[in-house]
Protein backbone atom coordinates (compact mmCIF):
# COMPACT_ATOMS: atom_id res chain seq x y z
CA UNK A 1 78.25 0.75 66.50
CA UNK A 2 75.09 -1.33 66.69
CA UNK A 3 72.94 1.78 67.19
CA UNK A 4 74.52 3.46 64.17
CA UNK A 5 74.00 0.34 62.06
CA UNK A 6 70.34 0.17 63.06
CA UNK A 7 69.75 3.84 62.26
CA UNK A 8 71.59 3.60 58.97
CA UNK A 9 69.51 0.60 57.96
CA UNK A 10 66.31 2.41 58.98
CA UNK A 11 67.27 5.35 56.77
CA UNK A 12 68.09 3.07 53.85
CA UNK A 13 64.71 1.31 54.11
CA UNK A 14 62.83 4.62 54.51
CA UNK A 15 64.60 5.93 51.42
CA UNK A 16 63.55 2.89 49.40
CA UNK A 17 66.79 0.97 49.08
CA UNK A 18 66.21 -2.78 48.78
CA UNK A 19 69.73 -4.18 48.20
CA UNK A 20 71.98 -3.18 51.08
CA UNK A 21 75.52 -3.74 52.28
CA UNK A 22 75.84 -2.99 55.98
CA UNK A 23 79.47 -2.34 56.86
CA UNK A 24 80.89 -2.12 60.36
CA UNK A 25 84.31 -2.12 61.96
CA UNK A 26 82.88 -4.18 64.83
CA UNK A 27 83.66 -7.82 64.14
CA UNK A 28 81.46 -8.79 67.10
CA UNK A 29 78.46 -7.01 65.58
CA UNK A 30 78.99 -8.47 62.11
CA UNK A 31 79.38 -11.99 63.55
CA UNK A 32 76.20 -11.55 65.59
CA UNK A 33 74.29 -10.39 62.51
CA UNK A 34 75.62 -13.16 60.28
CA UNK A 35 75.28 -16.03 62.73
CA UNK A 36 72.34 -14.91 64.82
CA UNK A 37 74.43 -15.37 67.97
CA UNK A 38 73.20 -12.24 69.68
CA UNK A 39 70.57 -13.25 72.18
CA UNK A 40 72.89 -13.13 75.21
CA UNK A 41 74.99 -10.16 74.17
CA UNK A 42 74.59 -6.79 75.84
CA UNK A 43 73.37 -5.34 72.54
CA UNK A 44 71.27 -8.34 71.49
CA UNK A 45 68.05 -6.33 71.44
CA UNK A 46 69.59 -3.90 68.93
CA UNK A 47 70.80 -6.76 66.74
CA UNK A 48 67.27 -8.19 66.83
CA UNK A 49 65.96 -4.79 65.67
CA UNK A 50 68.48 -4.77 62.82
CA UNK A 51 67.45 -8.27 61.73
CA UNK A 52 63.78 -7.24 61.85
CA UNK A 53 64.38 -4.11 59.76
CA UNK A 54 66.47 -6.19 57.36
CA UNK A 55 63.44 -8.39 56.71
CA UNK A 56 61.99 -5.49 54.70
CA UNK A 57 64.78 -5.49 52.10
CA UNK A 58 65.41 -7.82 49.17
CA UNK A 59 69.00 -8.55 50.10
CA UNK A 60 71.46 -7.53 52.77
CA UNK A 61 75.12 -8.37 53.24
CA UNK A 62 76.94 -7.79 56.51
CA UNK A 63 80.59 -6.87 55.97
CA UNK A 64 83.43 -6.23 58.39
CA UNK A 65 85.80 -3.43 57.39
CA UNK A 66 88.79 -1.94 59.16
CA UNK A 67 88.09 1.26 61.08
CA UNK A 68 90.25 3.31 58.70
CA UNK A 69 87.94 2.27 55.86
CA UNK A 70 84.81 2.99 57.86
CA UNK A 71 85.25 6.54 59.12
CA UNK A 72 81.63 7.57 58.47
CA UNK A 73 80.13 4.67 60.38
CA UNK A 74 82.58 5.21 63.22
CA UNK A 75 81.50 8.84 63.44
CA UNK A 76 77.82 7.86 63.43
CA UNK A 77 78.42 5.26 66.14
CA UNK A 78 80.14 7.86 68.30
CA UNK A 79 77.17 10.23 67.89
CA UNK A 80 74.69 7.47 68.64
CA UNK A 81 76.57 6.58 71.79
CA UNK A 82 76.51 10.20 72.97
CA UNK A 83 72.79 10.50 72.23
CA UNK A 84 71.79 7.42 74.24
C-alpha cells in the first residue's frame, strides 16, 4: 500500500498536480503520514519518501477510506507488492 501511494504521488507531481488527496485503506499508513510516526516501522523509508515528494505540492491531505471504496489503490498496491 505504501509503495502504491508513493508511486501515485510521484505520478501526480510529474503530471503537475499541486493539490492532492492521498487515499489509502491502510489506517497504519495514513496515521504514519499524518503524525510522522514512521521512523521505526518496517515501511518507514517509504513513508519518508512520500513525505519528501509531498514537499513539492501546495497541499496534500491523507485520508483513510474503506477497502471497498478504494479498489483502484488496492489493485495498485497488489501490483507494487508483486513487482518488489
